[in-house]
Amino acid sequence: MPQRKYMATLDPRQGAYRPRNGMTDGWVPARVVQVEGQQGQAKVEYTWASFFTMRGHMADPDSGWTEWYGFEEMRPGAEQAPPARLINHNTEPPELALLTFRWGGVNEVRPPGQWGETGSSVSDLFIDSFLNCAVAPALGTRFEVWTVYVEDHTDLRRIADAANLIFGPTHPLRRAKHVGAMYHLYPTGFEENCIPNRETGEDGGAALVSQKALFSMIQAVERAGIPTRFPHPSGFYELLTSKRWTWMLSTTPHLRVPPTVSLPRMLIEQGSDVAAKFALESLNKVKVHQAILNNQPPPTESITKGVAKLGFSWEALDVKMWEKERGLENAIYQLTQTIEISGEITGQPHDLEAIIIQEYCVHDFEMRFYVVGGKVETIIYTKFCRVKENLEFGDFHELFSKKEAASEWMGGDYAAMDEGERKCRELVDHWMVWVQAQICQVPPAIRFDFFVGRGAKPGEAVVWTLEICELGFSMLGAKDLPQKVFNSMLRNCLGGQSPGVPAVADGAASSSAASTNGAKDATA
C-alpha cells in the first residue's frame, strides 16, 4: 500500500467505476493515535473509508494503516458521529481548488528527457512541479486538487454529457474562493491505441485521446462554470493544436506565416496525384498574393520544396519534407493512407478533415521565444541538422547562447543575428495582440518559434513564423524558466492576482503526484 498513490473519493463508486475521480491533494479526516512532541510529529489513522487508486484498487479501511505527519501538516477537526464526512464545511474554504484531468491508462506517461526537469505537460512530474514550486509556497495548505483519471474517449464523453451535474455548484470544489480546471492530455486525430500512436512514442501512446471528445468535454466543463486554467480556453487551445491558424493567417503579411494551404481530405481521396496538383496551384497563388501584399515583385519561380503536416500532432513522424510534385504526392499518401513504422507498413487511421501543405523556408536555425505573462523571458536557439531517409527532420540541437548560435549556424554574422532577433521580437508583439483577440486575456505563458536565416547581404536577416506552442510547451534545459511559468500559471488560477510567490531554487520538483498524503484534518 505505501507504494501506491491514493485519492479520497466522495463515494466508493467514484473509485470503482470509470472515469475514476476524487481528491488527490487536500485535508482528509484522521484520528491521532500517537504523539511525539519532541519531534513535532503525530501518528494518524485515517477515518475516511474510501481511498482508491487510479486503477480502482481500494485501500483496506480495516488495515489499521497509519502515517506520521508534522504538526504543521495537521489542524483540529470537528468531532463527527459516524459516518464521517470527507469535507468539513465548518472550516475555512480553500483559497484555490483545481480540477485536473489526467491520464489513467495502463501505459504510464514517460516524460522525454529533453522536456527538462519538470517533465512533459501530461506527466505527474509536471503537475507535482507546479504544485510544489508555485502553489504550495504561496498558499501553504489552502488549496485542493480534485482529479479525474481518463483512459479513453468514453470517459470524456461521459463527463461531457453530465459536467453540469457532476461539477455543478454542489460539488465540494466549488466552495473554494478560486476554482479552475487543468487538462493534462494530448488531443489527437488518430484512433486511440492505433499503431501510429503506440509505436512512435516512448510510452505506447499514453495520454493521447480523441481530440473531438476532449474538446467537447472541456467546453462542457467551461459551460458548467469552471474556467480553464491550463493550458488555454477550449477554442484557443483547439485553434493552436489543430494548426488551423497557419493557413488562416498565411495571407496576413505582417505575421510572416510561410505560404500555407489546407488540403481537404475529400480531394486527397480522389488520388494523391490529383490532390498534389490542387495543393501546388493554391500554394503558388498564396505566395504570389503574399508578394502583392508586401509590395514586392511576384516570384519568378514556382514552389518546388515544402513540408506536409498533420494537425493535433505530437510526433515528428507527422511532418514530411517533400520536393516537387511527385514528392508532394508521396508525402500526402504517407500522411493519409499508409506509412512505414518500425520496418512495417501500417495504416493512418485519423479523422483529420485536411492536411497542411507549406512552402519550405530556407533558414539557418529556429529561435524559440518563451513569453511569460506577456513578457519575453527566455530565448533558446535550436536546429534540426538533417532530413532523414524517411523525410522526417532529425538530429536536433539546442543552444542557449546567442553568440554561440551565431557562430555555429550563421557563419559568425552577429549583425544578422541581432537583426533576426529584432524582427522576431517585433513579430512577438504582433502575435500577442492576435492572441489577446482570441481570448481577451494575456495567457500565463506561450511560445513562438521562428525560422531565422541570413539575408542577401551581411547583417541582413529573414524571419518566418514557424509555430505557436500552447502552455505546456517543452522548456528544454532552461533552468530558471519553469519557476517563472509556474508562478504565472498560479496568478492566472487566482484570477490574475499577484500572490507574492516566493522564489524557489532551480530544479525544485516533485513529491508524490496523485496522493492525499499531505495535510490532515485530524481529531484527537
Protein backbone atom coordinates (compact mmCIF):
# COMPACT_ATOMS: atom_id res chain seq x y z
CA MET A 1 0.00 0.00 0.00
CA PRO A 2 2.72 2.61 0.70
CA GLN A 3 3.96 2.38 -2.92
CA ARG A 4 0.57 3.25 -4.36
CA LYS A 5 -0.98 6.68 -4.74
CA TYR A 6 -4.49 7.01 -3.40
CA MET A 7 -7.25 9.54 -3.81
CA ALA A 8 -10.13 10.14 -1.43
CA THR A 9 -13.41 9.61 -3.26
CA LEU A 10 -16.72 11.08 -2.17
CA ASP A 11 -18.33 7.71 -2.72
CA PRO A 12 -16.85 4.21 -3.25
CA ARG A 13 -18.47 4.03 -6.67
CA GLN A 14 -16.43 7.02 -7.83
CA GLY A 15 -13.29 4.98 -7.23
CA ALA A 16 -14.65 1.74 -8.66
CA TYR A 17 -16.24 2.94 -11.89
CA ARG A 18 -14.70 4.96 -14.70
CA PRO A 19 -13.95 7.74 -15.01
CA ARG A 20 -12.50 7.40 -11.51
CA ASN A 21 -12.23 10.66 -9.64
CA GLY A 22 -11.55 12.06 -6.20
CA MET A 23 -9.48 14.45 -4.13
CA THR A 24 -5.74 13.96 -4.62
CA ASP A 25 -4.46 16.88 -2.51
CA GLY A 26 -6.23 18.39 0.47
CA TRP A 27 -7.43 17.89 4.02
CA VAL A 28 -8.83 14.46 4.90
CA PRO A 29 -10.26 13.31 8.25
CA ALA A 30 -7.96 11.34 10.52
CA ARG A 31 -7.55 10.37 14.16
CA VAL A 32 -4.37 10.94 16.17
CA VAL A 33 -3.14 7.69 17.71
CA GLN A 34 0.34 8.71 18.92
CA VAL A 35 2.22 11.95 19.55
CA GLU A 36 5.96 12.59 19.55
CA GLY A 37 6.07 16.10 20.98
CA GLN A 38 9.84 16.50 20.85
CA GLN A 39 9.85 15.54 17.18
CA GLY A 40 6.85 17.71 16.41
CA GLN A 41 5.06 14.75 14.87
CA ALA A 42 1.94 12.70 15.32
CA LYS A 43 0.87 9.33 14.01
CA VAL A 44 -2.59 9.39 12.45
CA GLU A 45 -5.09 6.80 11.32
CA TYR A 46 -7.48 7.82 8.56
CA THR A 47 -11.15 7.84 9.43
CA TRP A 48 -12.33 8.14 5.86
CA ALA A 49 -13.01 4.74 4.29
CA SER A 50 -12.97 5.46 0.54
CA PHE A 51 -9.41 5.63 -0.79
CA PHE A 52 -8.83 4.34 -4.32
CA THR A 53 -6.01 4.23 -6.85
CA MET A 54 -6.37 5.39 -10.44
CA ARG A 55 -6.76 1.70 -11.36
CA GLY A 56 -9.64 1.12 -8.94
CA HIS A 57 -7.73 -0.63 -6.15
CA MET A 58 -9.20 0.24 -2.76
CA ALA A 59 -7.26 0.69 0.45
CA ASP A 60 -8.49 -1.68 3.14
CA PRO A 61 -10.28 0.55 5.67
CA ASP A 62 -9.72 -2.07 8.39
CA SER A 63 -5.98 -2.44 7.85
CA GLY A 64 -5.07 -0.03 10.65
CA TRP A 65 -2.72 1.80 8.30
CA THR A 66 -1.06 4.81 9.95
CA GLU A 67 1.32 7.55 8.89
CA TRP A 68 3.44 10.17 10.64
CA TYR A 69 2.89 13.88 9.98
CA GLY A 70 4.40 17.07 11.31
CA PHE A 71 2.19 19.26 13.44
CA GLU A 72 2.26 21.92 10.71
CA GLU A 73 0.53 19.43 8.40
CA MET A 74 -2.39 18.93 10.76
CA ARG A 75 -5.27 21.03 12.03
CA PRO A 76 -8.04 20.38 14.54
CA GLY A 77 -11.04 18.66 13.05
CA ALA A 78 -14.65 18.63 14.11
CA GLU A 79 -15.90 15.69 16.14
CA GLN A 80 -18.03 13.66 13.79
CA ALA A 81 -20.50 10.97 14.60
CA PRO A 82 -20.34 8.05 12.14
CA PRO A 83 -20.44 8.15 9.24
CA ALA A 84 -17.61 10.66 8.87
CA ARG A 85 -17.63 13.30 6.15
CA LEU A 86 -14.75 13.87 3.77
CA ILE A 87 -15.33 17.61 3.63
CA ASN A 88 -15.53 19.60 6.86
CA HIS A 89 -17.77 22.54 6.00
CA ASN A 90 -17.13 24.18 9.37
CA THR A 91 -13.59 25.13 8.36
CA GLU A 92 -12.36 27.93 6.13
CA PRO A 93 -12.81 27.01 2.45
CA PRO A 94 -9.64 26.62 0.39
CA GLU A 95 -8.23 29.59 -1.45
CA LEU A 96 -7.89 27.52 -4.62
CA ALA A 97 -9.42 24.28 -5.89
CA LEU A 98 -8.06 22.72 -9.07
CA LEU A 99 -9.88 20.13 -11.15
CA THR A 100 -7.24 18.17 -13.06
CA PHE A 101 -7.86 15.71 -15.86
CA ARG A 102 -5.01 13.22 -16.09
CA TRP A 103 -4.09 10.07 -17.93
CA GLY A 104 -5.32 6.92 -16.19
CA GLY A 105 -4.42 4.27 -18.74
CA VAL A 106 -2.34 1.17 -18.08
CA ASN A 107 0.59 2.53 -20.09
CA GLU A 108 2.05 5.22 -17.87
CA VAL A 109 3.43 8.52 -19.11
CA ARG A 110 7.20 8.64 -19.52
CA PRO A 111 8.28 12.26 -19.94
CA PRO A 112 11.09 12.59 -22.51
CA GLY A 113 14.34 13.85 -21.08
CA GLN A 114 14.56 16.82 -23.46
CA TRP A 115 11.45 18.35 -21.86
CA GLY A 116 13.56 19.27 -18.85
CA GLU A 117 13.39 18.63 -15.11
CA THR A 118 9.66 19.38 -14.83
CA GLY A 119 8.61 16.78 -17.38
CA SER A 120 6.03 16.87 -20.15
CA SER A 121 2.71 18.60 -19.55
CA VAL A 122 0.80 15.30 -19.29
CA SER A 123 3.07 13.82 -16.62
CA ASP A 124 2.59 13.66 -12.86
CA LEU A 125 6.06 15.20 -12.64
CA PHE A 126 4.79 18.37 -14.34
CA ILE A 127 1.72 18.60 -12.10
CA ASP A 128 3.79 17.97 -8.97
CA SER A 129 6.32 20.56 -10.04
CA PHE A 130 3.62 23.18 -10.43
CA LEU A 131 2.11 22.39 -7.03
CA ASN A 132 5.44 22.19 -5.20
CA CYS A 133 7.20 25.11 -6.88
CA ALA A 134 4.34 27.62 -7.02
CA VAL A 135 1.08 26.62 -5.32
CA ALA A 136 2.33 25.24 -2.00
CA PRO A 137 4.92 28.01 -1.35
CA ALA A 138 2.26 30.68 -1.93
CA LEU A 139 -0.83 29.08 -0.40
CA GLY A 140 0.53 26.58 2.08
CA THR A 141 -2.26 24.07 2.70
CA ARG A 142 -5.02 26.40 1.50
CA PHE A 143 -5.64 24.52 -1.73
CA GLU A 144 -7.21 21.33 -3.01
CA VAL A 145 -6.73 19.22 -6.11
CA TRP A 146 -9.52 17.02 -7.46
CA THR A 147 -8.51 14.60 -10.19
CA VAL A 148 -10.39 12.78 -12.94
CA TYR A 149 -8.49 9.86 -14.48
CA VAL A 150 -9.14 9.38 -18.19
CA GLU A 151 -8.42 6.19 -20.11
CA ASP A 152 -10.07 6.90 -23.47
CA HIS A 153 -12.77 8.87 -25.27
CA THR A 154 -15.60 7.05 -23.49
CA ASP A 155 -14.57 8.69 -20.21
CA LEU A 156 -14.50 12.08 -21.91
CA ARG A 157 -17.95 11.57 -23.43
CA ARG A 158 -19.47 10.62 -20.08
CA ILE A 159 -18.19 13.78 -18.46
CA ALA A 160 -19.17 15.96 -21.42
CA ASP A 161 -22.76 14.72 -21.20
CA ALA A 162 -23.06 15.40 -17.47
CA ALA A 163 -20.45 18.01 -16.49
CA ASN A 164 -23.12 20.40 -15.23
CA LEU A 165 -24.43 17.67 -12.94
CA ILE A 166 -21.08 16.32 -11.73
CA PHE A 167 -19.21 19.57 -11.19
CA GLY A 168 -22.11 21.92 -10.56
CA PRO A 169 -22.47 24.26 -7.57
CA THR A 170 -22.93 21.37 -5.12
CA HIS A 171 -19.56 19.75 -5.79
CA PRO A 172 -17.13 20.38 -2.87
CA LEU A 173 -14.50 22.03 -5.06
CA ARG A 174 -16.96 24.84 -5.85
CA ARG A 175 -16.77 26.08 -2.25
CA ALA A 176 -13.23 27.36 -2.88
CA LYS A 177 -12.61 31.06 -3.43
CA HIS A 178 -10.99 30.33 -6.80
CA VAL A 179 -11.73 27.32 -9.00
CA GLY A 180 -10.06 26.22 -12.22
CA ALA A 181 -9.68 23.20 -14.47
CA MET A 182 -6.43 21.83 -15.90
CA TYR A 183 -6.26 19.36 -18.79
CA HIS A 184 -3.15 17.22 -18.90
CA LEU A 185 -3.99 15.18 -22.01
CA TYR A 186 -2.88 15.24 -25.65
CA PRO A 187 -5.64 15.75 -28.25
CA THR A 188 -5.05 13.61 -31.35
CA GLY A 189 -6.90 12.96 -34.59
CA PHE A 190 -5.75 9.33 -34.60
CA GLU A 191 -7.82 6.46 -33.30
CA GLU A 192 -6.85 5.71 -29.73
CA ASN A 193 -4.47 2.77 -29.28
CA CYS A 194 -3.67 2.58 -33.00
CA ILE A 195 -0.18 1.58 -34.18
CA PRO A 196 0.95 5.11 -35.15
CA ASN A 197 0.15 6.25 -31.60
CA ARG A 198 1.56 3.23 -29.80
CA GLU A 199 4.82 2.82 -31.69
CA THR A 200 6.12 6.33 -32.32
CA GLY A 201 6.46 7.48 -28.70
CA GLU A 202 8.26 6.09 -25.68
CA ASP A 203 5.17 5.17 -23.66
CA GLY A 204 2.76 3.45 -26.03
CA GLY A 205 0.62 6.48 -26.78
CA ALA A 206 -0.03 7.42 -23.15
CA ALA A 207 -2.30 10.47 -22.71
CA LEU A 208 -3.28 10.60 -26.41
CA VAL A 209 -7.06 10.94 -26.58
CA SER A 210 -9.65 11.78 -29.21
CA GLN A 211 -9.46 15.49 -29.94
CA LYS A 212 -13.17 15.72 -30.67
CA ALA A 213 -14.13 14.08 -27.38
CA LEU A 214 -11.58 16.11 -25.38
CA PHE A 215 -12.70 19.50 -26.65
CA SER A 216 -16.34 18.57 -26.23
CA MET A 217 -15.62 17.77 -22.58
CA ILE A 218 -13.58 20.92 -21.97
CA GLN A 219 -16.38 23.04 -23.41
CA ALA A 220 -18.92 21.27 -21.18
CA VAL A 221 -16.83 21.90 -18.05
CA GLU A 222 -16.43 25.55 -19.04
CA ARG A 223 -20.20 25.85 -19.51
CA ALA A 224 -20.65 24.37 -16.04
CA GLY A 225 -18.84 27.43 -14.66
CA ILE A 226 -15.29 26.13 -14.17
CA PRO A 227 -12.78 28.19 -16.18
CA THR A 228 -9.87 26.52 -17.94
CA ARG A 229 -6.58 27.45 -16.28
CA PHE A 230 -4.36 25.03 -18.21
CA PRO A 231 -3.47 25.15 -20.95
CA HIS A 232 -5.90 27.66 -22.57
CA PRO A 233 -9.62 28.27 -23.10
CA SER A 234 -11.05 25.50 -25.27
CA GLY A 235 -11.46 27.44 -28.52
CA PHE A 236 -7.94 28.83 -28.47
CA TYR A 237 -6.42 25.52 -27.42
CA GLU A 238 -8.17 23.82 -30.33
CA LEU A 239 -7.02 26.53 -32.74
CA LEU A 240 -3.37 26.07 -31.72
CA THR A 241 -3.26 22.27 -31.66
CA SER A 242 -5.16 21.90 -34.93
CA LYS A 243 -2.67 24.34 -36.52
CA ARG A 244 -5.54 25.94 -38.44
CA TRP A 245 -4.03 29.33 -37.79
CA THR A 246 -1.24 28.53 -40.28
CA TRP A 247 -3.39 28.62 -43.40
CA MET A 248 -5.89 31.09 -41.99
CA LEU A 249 -3.16 33.71 -41.49
CA SER A 250 -0.81 32.94 -44.37
CA THR A 251 -2.12 35.99 -46.27
CA THR A 252 -1.69 38.32 -43.28
CA PRO A 253 1.72 39.70 -44.26
CA HIS A 254 2.90 41.27 -41.00
CA LEU A 255 2.64 37.91 -39.19
CA ARG A 256 5.15 36.28 -41.55
CA VAL A 257 3.49 32.88 -41.91
CA PRO A 258 5.04 30.92 -44.80
CA PRO A 259 2.78 30.23 -47.81
CA THR A 260 0.39 27.61 -46.44
CA VAL A 261 -2.80 25.88 -47.63
CA SER A 262 -5.27 23.42 -46.17
CA LEU A 263 -5.66 20.37 -48.42
CA PRO A 264 -9.14 18.86 -47.80
CA ARG A 265 -9.37 15.13 -47.26
CA MET A 266 -12.10 14.90 -49.90
CA LEU A 267 -9.55 15.97 -52.54
CA ILE A 268 -6.96 13.56 -51.20
CA GLU A 269 -9.39 10.67 -51.59
CA GLN A 270 -9.62 11.46 -55.31
CA GLY A 271 -5.99 10.44 -55.50
CA SER A 272 -2.72 11.78 -54.15
CA ASP A 273 -1.68 12.89 -57.64
CA VAL A 274 -4.86 14.92 -58.09
CA ALA A 275 -4.56 16.39 -54.59
CA ALA A 276 -0.93 17.38 -55.14
CA LYS A 277 -1.85 19.38 -58.25
CA PHE A 278 -4.60 21.26 -56.39
CA ALA A 279 -2.27 21.93 -53.45
CA LEU A 280 0.62 23.25 -55.54
CA GLU A 281 -1.62 25.50 -57.60
CA SER A 282 -3.14 27.02 -54.48
CA LEU A 283 0.20 27.26 -52.67
CA ASN A 284 1.72 29.22 -55.54
CA LYS A 285 -1.26 31.58 -55.60
CA VAL A 286 -0.78 32.27 -51.89
CA LYS A 287 2.91 33.02 -52.48
CA VAL A 288 2.08 35.44 -55.30
CA HIS A 289 -0.54 37.14 -53.15
CA GLN A 290 1.95 37.50 -50.29
CA ALA A 291 4.28 39.35 -52.66
CA ILE A 292 1.46 41.67 -53.73
CA LEU A 293 0.54 42.43 -50.11
CA ASN A 294 4.19 43.18 -49.32
CA ASN A 295 4.58 45.44 -52.39
CA GLN A 296 7.20 43.08 -53.76
CA PRO A 297 7.66 41.81 -57.33
CA PRO A 298 5.92 38.49 -57.97
CA PRO A 299 8.08 35.35 -57.60
CA THR A 300 9.73 34.21 -60.80
CA GLU A 301 9.77 30.51 -59.89
CA SER A 302 7.12 28.10 -58.67
CA ILE A 303 7.37 26.37 -55.31
CA THR A 304 9.27 23.10 -55.55
CA LYS A 305 10.03 22.29 -51.92
CA GLY A 306 7.95 22.19 -48.77
CA VAL A 307 6.52 20.27 -45.84
CA ALA A 308 3.26 18.42 -45.27
CA LYS A 309 1.91 18.28 -41.71
CA LEU A 310 -0.91 16.85 -39.64
CA GLY A 311 -2.83 18.86 -37.08
CA PHE A 312 -3.14 17.64 -33.48
CA SER A 313 0.32 16.17 -33.92
CA TRP A 314 2.83 15.34 -31.18
CA GLU A 315 5.29 13.30 -33.24
CA ALA A 316 7.97 14.18 -35.83
CA LEU A 317 6.54 11.33 -37.91
CA ASP A 318 3.60 13.59 -38.76
CA VAL A 319 5.77 16.14 -40.62
CA LYS A 320 7.11 15.18 -44.05
CA MET A 321 9.56 17.02 -46.26
CA TRP A 322 8.76 16.99 -49.99
CA GLU A 323 10.36 18.12 -53.23
CA LYS A 324 8.50 18.72 -56.49
CA GLU A 325 5.06 17.41 -57.33
CA ARG A 326 5.99 13.74 -57.10
CA GLY A 327 7.47 14.22 -53.66
CA LEU A 328 4.32 16.01 -52.52
CA GLU A 329 2.21 13.10 -53.80
CA ASN A 330 4.24 10.69 -51.68
CA ALA A 331 4.01 12.90 -48.58
CA ILE A 332 0.23 13.20 -48.96
CA TYR A 333 -0.11 9.45 -49.35
CA GLN A 334 2.05 8.66 -46.34
CA LEU A 335 0.19 11.07 -44.07
CA THR A 336 -3.28 9.87 -45.06
CA GLN A 337 -3.07 6.27 -46.30
CA THR A 338 -0.15 4.05 -45.26
CA ILE A 339 3.27 4.68 -43.76
CA GLU A 340 6.29 2.66 -42.67
CA ILE A 341 6.82 2.50 -38.89
CA SER A 342 9.47 0.30 -37.28
CA GLY A 343 10.03 -1.62 -40.51
CA GLU A 344 6.35 -2.39 -41.13
CA ILE A 345 3.62 -0.80 -43.22
CA THR A 346 0.64 0.46 -41.24
CA GLY A 347 -2.48 2.44 -41.98
CA GLN A 348 -3.06 6.05 -40.93
CA PRO A 349 -6.36 5.91 -39.00
CA HIS A 350 -7.05 9.58 -38.28
CA ASP A 351 -10.15 11.72 -38.72
CA LEU A 352 -8.50 14.97 -39.80
CA GLU A 353 -10.53 16.81 -42.41
CA ALA A 354 -7.40 18.27 -44.04
CA ILE A 355 -3.62 18.20 -44.01
CA ILE A 356 -1.33 21.22 -44.03
CA ILE A 357 0.85 21.97 -47.06
CA GLN A 358 3.50 24.64 -46.58
CA GLU A 359 6.44 26.02 -48.53
CA TYR A 360 9.84 25.19 -47.07
CA CYS A 361 11.57 28.32 -45.77
CA VAL A 362 15.34 28.39 -46.17
CA HIS A 363 16.79 29.19 -42.77
CA ASP A 364 19.83 28.78 -40.56
CA PHE A 365 18.10 27.80 -37.30
CA GLU A 366 14.99 28.29 -35.16
CA MET A 367 14.62 30.95 -32.48
CA ARG A 368 12.20 29.99 -29.69
CA PHE A 369 10.67 32.84 -27.69
CA TYR A 370 9.16 31.93 -24.32
CA VAL A 371 6.65 34.61 -23.38
CA VAL A 372 5.53 34.57 -19.74
CA GLY A 373 2.84 36.97 -18.57
CA GLY A 374 3.21 38.93 -21.81
CA LYS A 375 6.98 39.36 -21.46
CA VAL A 376 9.77 37.54 -23.31
CA GLU A 377 11.62 35.68 -20.57
CA THR A 378 13.86 33.25 -22.45
CA ILE A 379 15.17 32.67 -25.97
CA ILE A 380 16.52 29.27 -27.00
CA TYR A 381 18.21 28.54 -30.33
CA THR A 382 17.50 25.18 -31.97
CA LYS A 383 18.16 23.35 -35.22
CA PHE A 384 17.23 20.09 -36.90
CA CYS A 385 20.51 19.39 -38.64
CA ARG A 386 19.38 16.82 -41.19
CA VAL A 387 16.45 15.30 -43.03
CA LYS A 388 16.27 11.54 -42.50
CA GLU A 389 15.73 8.96 -45.24
CA ASN A 390 12.02 8.78 -44.41
CA LEU A 391 11.83 12.57 -44.98
CA GLU A 392 11.42 13.40 -41.29
CA PHE A 393 13.53 16.06 -39.58
CA GLY A 394 16.16 14.75 -37.17
CA ASP A 395 19.44 15.38 -35.33
CA PHE A 396 18.04 18.05 -33.00
CA HIS A 397 20.43 20.51 -31.34
CA GLU A 398 19.84 23.35 -28.91
CA LEU A 399 21.97 26.27 -27.80
CA PHE A 400 21.40 28.83 -25.06
CA SER A 401 23.99 31.39 -26.11
CA LYS A 402 23.14 33.94 -28.79
CA LYS A 403 26.81 34.38 -29.63
CA GLU A 404 27.39 30.66 -29.90
CA ALA A 405 24.33 30.22 -32.15
CA ALA A 406 25.54 33.00 -34.47
CA SER A 407 28.97 31.42 -34.62
CA GLU A 408 27.73 27.87 -35.19
CA TRP A 409 24.81 28.47 -37.51
CA MET A 410 25.14 31.94 -39.07
CA GLY A 411 28.78 31.90 -40.06
CA GLY A 412 29.64 34.42 -37.36
CA ASP A 413 27.32 37.10 -38.78
CA TYR A 414 26.46 38.64 -35.41
CA ALA A 415 24.80 41.65 -37.01
CA ALA A 416 22.39 39.34 -38.85
CA MET A 417 21.69 37.58 -35.55
CA ASP A 418 20.83 40.91 -33.91
CA GLU A 419 18.61 41.87 -36.83
CA GLY A 420 16.88 38.48 -36.71
CA GLU A 421 16.16 38.83 -33.01
CA ARG A 422 14.83 42.36 -33.52
CA LYS A 423 12.44 41.16 -36.22
CA CYS A 424 11.32 38.21 -34.11
CA ARG A 425 10.60 40.44 -31.13
CA GLU A 426 8.51 42.63 -33.39
CA LEU A 427 6.61 39.54 -34.53
CA VAL A 428 6.05 38.50 -30.92
CA ASP A 429 4.36 41.86 -30.29
CA HIS A 430 2.11 41.35 -33.32
CA TRP A 431 1.25 37.82 -32.30
CA MET A 432 0.45 38.75 -28.70
CA VAL A 433 -2.16 41.21 -29.94
CA TRP A 434 -3.63 38.42 -32.08
CA VAL A 435 -3.62 36.07 -29.07
CA GLN A 436 -5.44 38.60 -26.94
CA ALA A 437 -8.02 39.00 -29.73
CA GLN A 438 -8.73 35.26 -29.40
CA ILE A 439 -9.16 35.05 -25.60
CA CYS A 440 -9.44 38.65 -24.33
CA GLN A 441 -6.58 37.94 -21.91
CA VAL A 442 -2.82 37.68 -21.83
CA PRO A 443 -2.08 33.96 -21.41
CA PRO A 444 0.11 32.85 -18.49
CA ALA A 445 2.71 31.67 -20.99
CA ILE A 446 3.05 30.82 -24.66
CA ARG A 447 5.91 30.02 -27.03
CA PHE A 448 6.61 31.37 -30.50
CA ASP A 449 9.08 29.61 -32.80
CA PHE A 450 10.61 31.44 -35.76
CA PHE A 451 12.80 30.45 -38.68
CA VAL A 452 15.81 32.78 -38.87
CA GLY A 453 18.15 32.95 -41.84
CA ARG A 454 20.73 35.27 -43.32
CA GLY A 455 19.58 37.72 -45.96
CA ALA A 456 21.14 38.64 -49.29
CA LYS A 457 23.70 40.93 -47.65
CA PRO A 458 25.80 40.63 -44.47
CA GLY A 459 23.91 41.90 -41.45
CA GLU A 460 20.51 41.17 -43.01
CA ALA A 461 18.10 38.54 -41.67
CA VAL A 462 14.94 36.91 -42.95
CA VAL A 463 12.42 35.53 -40.42
CA TRP A 464 9.25 33.45 -40.69
CA THR A 465 6.75 32.26 -38.09
CA LEU A 466 7.13 28.52 -37.67
CA GLU A 467 4.98 27.52 -34.71
CA ILE A 468 2.85 28.77 -31.83
CA CYS A 469 3.12 26.38 -28.89
CA GLU A 470 0.45 26.22 -26.22
CA LEU A 471 1.20 26.45 -22.49
CA GLY A 472 2.77 23.14 -21.51
CA PHE A 473 5.50 23.52 -24.15
CA SER A 474 8.86 21.86 -23.78
CA MET A 475 11.15 24.07 -21.71
CA LEU A 476 14.22 22.07 -22.77
CA GLY A 477 17.11 22.77 -20.40
CA ALA A 478 16.22 26.32 -19.36
CA LYS A 479 16.88 26.33 -15.62
CA ASP A 480 15.01 29.39 -14.42
CA LEU A 481 12.10 29.22 -16.87
CA PRO A 482 9.87 26.63 -15.12
CA GLN A 483 9.58 28.68 -11.94
CA LYS A 484 8.53 31.77 -13.91
CA VAL A 485 5.97 29.78 -15.88
CA PHE A 486 4.53 28.12 -12.78
CA ASN A 487 4.25 31.43 -10.92
CA SER A 488 2.39 32.91 -13.89
CA MET A 489 0.08 29.88 -14.00
CA LEU A 490 -0.74 30.37 -10.32
CA ARG A 491 -1.53 34.05 -10.81
CA ASN A 492 -3.91 33.03 -13.58
CA CYS A 493 -5.55 30.43 -11.30
CA LEU A 494 -6.12 33.17 -8.73
CA GLY A 495 -7.88 35.37 -11.24
CA GLY A 496 -4.86 37.40 -12.23
CA GLN A 497 -3.92 38.32 -8.66
CA SER A 498 -0.28 38.56 -7.69
CA PRO A 499 0.08 36.22 -4.72
CA GLY A 500 3.66 37.27 -3.96
CA VAL A 501 5.03 33.85 -4.77
CA PRO A 502 8.45 33.41 -3.16
CA ALA A 503 11.39 32.30 -5.25
CA VAL A 504 12.13 28.58 -5.30
CA ALA A 505 15.55 27.17 -6.00
CA ASP A 506 16.21 25.91 -9.53
CA GLY A 507 15.29 22.29 -10.00
CA ALA A 508 12.66 22.15 -7.27
CA ALA A 509 10.37 19.42 -8.46
CA SER A 510 8.08 16.74 -7.25
CA SER A 511 6.80 14.84 -4.32
CA SER A 512 4.14 12.19 -4.87
CA ALA A 513 1.65 13.18 -7.53
CA ALA A 514 -1.87 11.99 -7.03
CA SER A 515 -1.91 11.49 -3.30
CA THR A 516 -3.84 12.78 -0.34
CA ASN A 517 -0.70 12.31 1.72
CA GLY A 518 -0.37 15.87 2.91
CA ALA A 519 -2.27 17.95 5.38
CA LYS A 520 -4.76 16.07 7.53
CA ASP A 521 -7.90 17.21 9.23
CA ALA A 522 -7.14 15.35 12.43
CA THR A 523 -9.09 14.83 15.62
CA ALA A 524 -7.53 13.59 18.81
